[in-house]
């Protein structure tokens, strides 16, 4: 089943208007899951790194399309979970 694509919106008003119509004919294969974080982040970590390591982290995060601080947190979570 091939439905219609979701257009790119230039404003919140355009997006809200789009949601007011029947969306049953949309092609849902175009959507990606988005992880939600429900646990508040109350603790803070500060550390010193070699510039080359920080630049490498930023580069990897950019490849994944996420902020480098989120990438670092994902690395920590991945290691702690033992994956």
Protein backbone atom coordinates (compact mmCIF):
# COMPACT_ATOMS: atom_id res chain seq x y z
CA UNK A 1 0.00 0.00 0.00
CA UNK A 2 1.48 3.29 -1.06
CA UNK A 3 -0.09 6.35 0.50
CA UNK A 4 0.69 9.99 0.32
CA UNK A 5 3.77 11.55 1.88
CA UNK A 6 3.76 14.04 4.72
CA UNK A 7 4.79 17.45 3.38
CA UNK A 8 7.41 19.68 4.99
CA UNK A 9 5.80 22.45 7.03
CA UNK A 10 7.06 25.99 7.33
CA UNK A 11 5.10 26.79 10.47
CA UNK A 12 3.31 25.19 13.39
CA UNK A 13 0.06 26.51 11.95
CA UNK A 14 0.59 24.55 8.72
CA UNK A 15 1.31 21.39 10.71
CA UNK A 16 -1.77 21.88 12.88
CA UNK A 17 -3.96 22.39 9.81
CA UNK A 18 -2.56 19.21 8.24
CA UNK A 19 -3.50 17.21 11.36
CA UNK A 20 -7.12 18.36 11.08
CA UNK A 21 -7.72 16.26 7.95
CA UNK A 22 -8.23 12.52 7.41
CA UNK A 23 -4.76 10.95 7.65
CA UNK A 24 -5.77 7.34 6.97
CA UNK A 25 -4.21 7.38 3.49
CA UNK A 26 -0.71 8.36 4.67
CA UNK A 27 2.29 6.19 3.88
CA UNK A 28 3.36 5.31 7.42
CA UNK A 29 6.59 3.64 6.24
CA UNK A 30 8.13 7.13 6.03
CA UNK A 31 8.01 7.57 9.81
CA UNK A 32 10.88 6.62 12.11
CA UNK A 33 10.54 5.69 15.78
CA UNK A 34 11.54 8.45 18.13
CA UNK A 35 12.79 7.47 21.57
CA UNK A 36 11.31 9.42 24.44
CA UNK A 37 13.14 10.01 27.66
CA UNK A 38 10.86 10.03 30.67
CA UNK A 39 13.44 10.07 33.45
CA UNK A 40 14.42 13.61 34.45
CA UNK A 41 18.10 14.36 34.30
CA UNK A 42 19.02 15.75 37.69
CA UNK A 43 22.71 14.84 37.89
CA UNK A 44 25.51 16.52 35.99
CA UNK A 45 28.90 15.23 34.88
CA UNK A 46 31.87 17.42 34.00
CA UNK A 47 35.07 15.92 32.65
CA UNK A 48 38.21 16.88 30.80
CA UNK A 49 39.04 15.09 27.56
CA UNK A 50 41.79 15.41 25.01
CA UNK A 51 40.63 17.69 22.20
CA UNK A 52 41.11 14.91 19.66
CA UNK A 53 38.76 12.60 21.59
CA UNK A 54 36.11 15.29 21.90
CA UNK A 55 36.33 16.05 18.18
CA UNK A 56 36.00 12.34 17.39
CA UNK A 57 32.91 12.12 19.62
CA UNK A 58 31.38 15.16 17.94
CA UNK A 59 32.09 13.67 14.51
CA UNK A 60 30.44 10.33 15.39
CA UNK A 61 27.44 12.14 16.89
CA UNK A 62 27.08 14.26 13.76
CA UNK A 63 27.07 11.07 11.62
CA UNK A 64 24.14 9.86 13.72
CA UNK A 65 22.39 13.23 13.60
CA UNK A 66 22.32 13.76 17.35
CA UNK A 67 24.02 16.18 19.78
CA UNK A 68 27.37 14.91 21.05
CA UNK A 69 26.23 15.00 24.68
CA UNK A 70 23.34 12.65 23.84
CA UNK A 71 25.78 10.40 21.98
CA UNK A 72 28.04 10.22 25.04
CA UNK A 73 25.04 9.39 27.24
CA UNK A 74 24.02 6.63 24.79
CA UNK A 75 27.52 5.16 24.95
CA UNK A 76 27.37 5.12 28.75
CA UNK A 77 23.88 3.59 28.80
CA UNK A 78 24.94 0.96 26.25
CA UNK A 79 27.96 -0.04 28.32
CA UNK A 80 26.07 -0.14 31.63
CA UNK A 81 23.30 -2.25 30.07
CA UNK A 82 25.98 -4.72 28.96
CA UNK A 83 24.92 -4.79 25.34
